[in-house]
Every structure is written in C-alpha cells, then in structure tokens.
C-alpha atoms as a PDB file:
ATOM      1  CA  UNK A   1      11.530  -8.533  11.052  1.00  0.00           C
ATOM      2  CA  UNK A   2      13.122  -9.808   7.874  1.00  0.00           C
ATOM      3  CA  UNK A   3      13.054  -7.277   5.004  1.00  0.00           C
ATOM      4  CA  UNK A   4      11.851  -9.972   2.587  1.00  0.00           C
ATOM      5  CA  UNK A   5       8.819 -10.634   4.773  1.00  0.00           C
ATOM      6  CA  UNK A   6       8.068  -6.901   4.850  1.00  0.00           C
ATOM      7  CA  UNK A   7       8.350  -6.707   1.049  1.00  0.00           C
ATOM      8  CA  UNK A   8       6.164  -9.779   0.630  1.00  0.00           C
ATOM      9  CA  UNK A   9       3.541  -8.243   2.875  1.00  0.00           C
ATOM     10  CA  UNK A  10       3.702  -5.002   0.860  1.00  0.00           C
ATOM     11  CA  UNK A  11       3.339  -6.870  -2.449  1.00  0.00           C
ATOM     12  CA  UNK A  12       0.363  -8.821  -1.132  1.00  0.00           C
ATOM     13  CA  UNK A  13      -1.319  -5.659   0.148  1.00  0.00           C
ATOM     14  CA  UNK A  14      -0.830  -3.754  -3.126  1.00  0.00           C
ATOM     15  CA  UNK A  15      -1.952  -6.756  -5.170  1.00  0.00           C
ATOM     16  CA  UNK A  16      -5.089  -7.098  -3.040  1.00  0.00           C
ATOM     17  CA  UNK A  17      -5.902  -3.405  -3.604  1.00  0.00           C
ATOM     18  CA  UNK A  18      -5.527  -3.849  -7.357  1.00  0.00           C
ATOM     19  CA  UNK A  19      -7.618  -7.004  -7.350  1.00  0.00           C
ATOM     20  CA  UNK A  20     -10.431  -5.549  -5.220  1.00  0.00           C
ATOM     21  CA  UNK A  21     -10.691  -2.270  -7.123  1.00  0.00           C
ATOM     22  CA  UNK A  22      -9.913  -3.827 -10.540  1.00  0.00           C
ATOM     23  CA  UNK A  23      -7.472  -1.039 -11.275  1.00  0.00           C
ATOM     24  CA  UNK A  24      -3.923  -0.059 -10.519  1.00  0.00           C
ATOM     25  CA  UNK A  25      -3.530   1.404  -7.035  1.00  0.00           C
ATOM     26  CA  UNK A  26      -2.934   5.143  -6.836  1.00  0.00           C
ATOM     27  CA  UNK A  27       0.240   6.498  -5.264  1.00  0.00           C
ATOM     28  CA  UNK A  28      -1.643   7.449  -2.034  1.00  0.00           C
ATOM     29  CA  UNK A  29      -2.839   3.836  -1.745  1.00  0.00           C
ATOM     30  CA  UNK A  30       0.682   2.512  -2.294  1.00  0.00           C
ATOM     31  CA  UNK A  31       2.035   5.070   0.171  1.00  0.00           C
ATOM     32  CA  UNK A  32      -0.507   3.846   2.752  1.00  0.00           C
ATOM     33  CA  UNK A  33       0.665   0.264   2.199  1.00  0.00           C
ATOM     34  CA  UNK A  34       4.321   1.315   2.558  1.00  0.00           C
ATOM     35  CA  UNK A  35       3.612   3.190   5.799  1.00  0.00           C
ATOM     36  CA  UNK A  36       1.617   0.279   7.169  1.00  0.00           C
ATOM     37  CA  UNK A  37       4.323  -2.282   6.376  1.00  0.00           C
ATOM     38  CA  UNK A  38       7.409  -0.228   7.214  1.00  0.00           C
ATOM     39  CA  UNK A  39       5.991   2.191   9.799  1.00  0.00           C
ATOM     40  CA  UNK A  40       8.053   0.786  12.663  1.00  0.00           C
ATOM     41  CA  UNK A  41      11.344   1.861  11.134  1.00  0.00           C
ATOM     42  CA  UNK A  42      12.540   4.871  13.104  1.00  0.00           C
ATOM     43  CA  UNK A  43      15.926   5.248  11.401  1.00  0.00           C
ATOM     44  CA  UNK A  44      14.590   5.916   7.891  1.00  0.00           C
ATOM     45  CA  UNK A  45      11.526   7.301   6.146  1.00  0.00           C
ATOM     46  CA  UNK A  46      10.290   4.296   4.131  1.00  0.00           C
ATOM     47  CA  UNK A  47       8.087   6.390   1.838  1.00  0.00           C
ATOM     48  CA  UNK A  48      11.076   8.565   0.928  1.00  0.00           C
ATOM     49  CA  UNK A  49      13.205   5.477   0.204  1.00  0.00           C
ATOM     50  CA  UNK A  50      10.541   3.970  -2.072  1.00  0.00           C
ATOM     51  CA  UNK A  51       9.854   7.317  -3.756  1.00  0.00           C
ATOM     52  CA  UNK A  52      13.582   7.804  -4.493  1.00  0.00           C
ATOM     53  CA  UNK A  53      13.952   4.241  -5.767  1.00  0.00           C
ATOM     54  CA  UNK A  54      10.917   4.428  -8.041  1.00  0.00           C
ATOM     55  CA  UNK A  55      11.608   7.953  -9.318  1.00  0.00           C
ATOM     56  CA  UNK A  56      12.890   6.628 -12.659  1.00  0.00           C
ATOM     57  CA  UNK A  57      10.369   3.784 -12.889  1.00  0.00           C
ATOM     58  CA  UNK A  58       7.097   5.653 -12.822  1.00  0.00           C
ATOM     59  CA  UNK A  59       5.559   8.986 -12.051  1.00  0.00           C
ATOM     60  CA  UNK A  60       3.963   9.153  -8.653  1.00  0.00           C
ATOM     61  CA  UNK A  61       0.566   9.142 -10.301  1.00  0.00           C
ATOM     62  CA  UNK A  62      -0.987   6.427 -12.438  1.00  0.00           C
ATOM     63  CA  UNK A  63       1.438   3.652 -13.391  1.00  0.00           C
ATOM     64  CA  UNK A  64       2.102  -0.055 -13.433  1.00  0.00           C
ATOM     65  CA  UNK A  65       2.397  -0.038  -9.647  1.00  0.00           C
ATOM     66  CA  UNK A  66       1.961  -3.764  -9.136  1.00  0.00           C
ATOM     67  CA  UNK A  67       4.656  -4.511 -11.714  1.00  0.00           C
ATOM     68  CA  UNK A  68       7.019  -2.035 -10.122  1.00  0.00           C
ATOM     69  CA  UNK A  69       6.517  -3.476  -6.635  1.00  0.00           C
ATOM     70  CA  UNK A  70       7.104  -6.986  -7.964  1.00  0.00           C
ATOM     71  CA  UNK A  71      10.324  -5.817  -9.675  1.00  0.00           C
ATOM     72  CA  UNK A  72      11.758  -4.874  -6.266  1.00  0.00           C
ATOM     73  CA  UNK A  73      11.381  -8.406  -4.959  1.00  0.00           C
ATOM     74  CA  UNK A  74      13.060 -10.086  -7.941  1.00  0.00           C
END
C-alpha cells in the first residue's frame, strides 16, 4: 500500500478522534491509530519510527497532536 494512503488514513483517524472527543487525542490514542494503520509492516516498528520523529515536536503526553500529524503529510 502507498505510504501516502497510510498517512492519510492515520490523519483521518486522529482527526476523527479529536472531533468526537472535542479534545486533542492522547498519545495512547495516537499510538493505537499508528498500530492500526501501519501494523502490517514487519520490517519496522511504526510506533518507534513515529516516536523518534516526533521526539522534538511534542512530549508524548498532551500536545497539538493533530497539527503534528498534519505536518508530516505536508
């Protein structure tokens, strides 16, 4: 599957969480979305890749998660 489609699916899932709960998703919610969208990748650990990439962007607690996810796709 195309990586852009996987990222789009992740963005949509995180956005839907934020919209439904009317708050920023927590890291466990984002981690769930990452695992769900990238779980079929056997060669890498997608959560580790995202965690390493976002290390400087936000703490793994409360943050502007939706904004950070959108910044990956731009």
